[in-house]
Amino acid sequence: MPGGEQEKGKPIARGYPPPPAQVAVYADVIGPARTVDFLLAFGGAEMAIPKSPGKNSMLAHVIGIENARKLSANAHRSQACPPGERGG
């Protein structure tokens, strides 16, 4: 189901609860596994998703160039600060 459309409130994978609203857009666009990678790398940090991510961008290194492009195309749906621990 990675990158596929997800019904609101439906689990992203069998045996797992639906993601919180702040994370659902990422899971919907790039899939649950890449969402975890993305949040571990960037969660809690303010960032701008590039309009045209390059293959050497940090975003592409973390989630892959195709997923970076998908996220870029859906940036209007996401937050400027991905969910995660802030500060500290």
Protein backbone atom coordinates (compact mmCIF):
# COMPACT_ATOMS: atom_id res chain seq x y z
CA MET A 1 0.00 0.00 0.00
CA PRO A 2 3.00 2.42 0.03
CA GLY A 3 2.14 5.67 -1.65
CA GLY A 4 -1.47 4.59 -2.15
CA GLU A 5 -4.60 6.39 -1.10
CA GLN A 6 -5.80 5.62 2.38
CA GLU A 7 -9.30 5.97 3.78
CA LYS A 8 -9.56 8.26 6.80
CA GLY A 9 -9.30 6.35 10.04
CA LYS A 10 -8.24 3.11 8.36
CA PRO A 11 -5.06 1.30 9.40
CA ILE A 12 -2.06 1.80 7.10
CA ALA A 13 -1.11 -1.87 7.41
CA ARG A 14 -2.77 -4.94 8.86
CA GLY A 15 -2.35 -5.10 12.62
CA TYR A 16 -1.50 -1.42 13.04
CA PRO A 17 -3.80 1.40 14.13
CA PRO A 18 -4.42 4.33 11.79
CA PRO A 19 -1.71 7.00 11.94
CA PRO A 20 -2.35 10.29 13.74
CA ALA A 21 -3.67 13.08 11.51
CA GLN A 22 -0.30 14.87 11.52
CA VAL A 23 1.41 11.79 10.08
CA ALA A 24 -1.37 10.44 7.84
CA VAL A 25 -0.48 12.68 4.88
CA TYR A 26 3.10 11.37 4.84
CA ALA A 27 2.00 7.73 5.12
CA ASP A 28 -0.55 8.28 2.37
CA VAL A 29 1.98 9.84 -0.01
CA ILE A 30 5.20 7.88 0.62
CA GLY A 31 4.01 4.82 2.55
CA PRO A 32 4.50 3.82 6.18
CA ALA A 33 8.12 2.61 5.99
CA ARG A 34 9.45 5.75 4.28
CA THR A 35 7.33 7.88 6.64
CA VAL A 36 9.18 6.39 9.59
CA ASP A 37 12.52 7.11 7.88
CA PHE A 38 11.39 10.67 7.11
CA LEU A 39 10.20 11.36 10.67
CA LEU A 40 13.34 9.90 12.24
CA ALA A 41 15.48 12.15 10.04
CA PHE A 42 13.43 15.35 10.03
CA GLY A 43 10.72 15.08 12.71
CA GLY A 44 10.47 18.21 14.82
CA ALA A 45 12.73 20.27 12.55
CA GLU A 46 11.28 23.15 10.56
CA MET A 47 11.92 22.51 6.90
CA ALA A 48 10.78 23.45 3.44
CA ILE A 49 10.10 20.58 1.08
CA PRO A 50 11.91 21.54 -2.15
CA LYS A 51 9.68 22.19 -5.16
CA SER A 52 12.06 20.18 -7.30
CA PRO A 53 14.18 17.88 -5.11
CA GLY A 54 17.48 16.79 -6.61
CA LYS A 55 18.88 13.28 -6.37
CA ASN A 56 21.63 14.57 -4.07
CA SER A 57 19.29 16.34 -1.64
CA MET A 58 19.12 15.13 1.95
CA LEU A 59 15.42 14.39 1.43
CA ALA A 60 16.20 12.12 -1.55
CA HIS A 61 18.96 10.36 0.42
CA VAL A 62 16.55 9.58 3.25
CA ILE A 63 13.38 8.56 1.36
CA GLY A 64 14.54 8.12 -2.25
CA ILE A 65 14.20 10.50 -5.19
CA GLU A 66 10.78 9.23 -6.34
CA ASN A 67 9.34 9.57 -2.85
CA ALA A 68 10.95 13.00 -2.49
CA ARG A 69 9.18 14.05 -5.71
CA LYS A 70 5.87 12.62 -4.47
CA LEU A 71 6.24 14.50 -1.19
CA SER A 72 7.12 17.67 -3.07
CA ALA A 73 4.01 17.36 -5.23
CA ASN A 74 1.93 17.03 -2.05
CA ALA A 75 3.77 19.59 0.09
CA HIS A 76 0.63 21.71 0.31
CA ARG A 77 -0.90 18.90 2.41
CA SER A 78 1.93 18.68 4.94
CA GLN A 79 3.21 20.79 7.83
CA ALA A 80 6.27 23.08 7.75
CA CYS A 81 7.49 21.26 10.84
CA PRO A 82 7.11 17.46 10.58
CA PRO A 83 5.77 15.88 13.77
CA GLY A 84 8.43 14.84 16.23
CA GLU A 85 10.35 15.87 19.29
CA ARG A 86 11.14 19.57 19.38
CA GLY A 87 14.12 21.17 21.00
CA GLY A 88 16.48 19.41 23.22
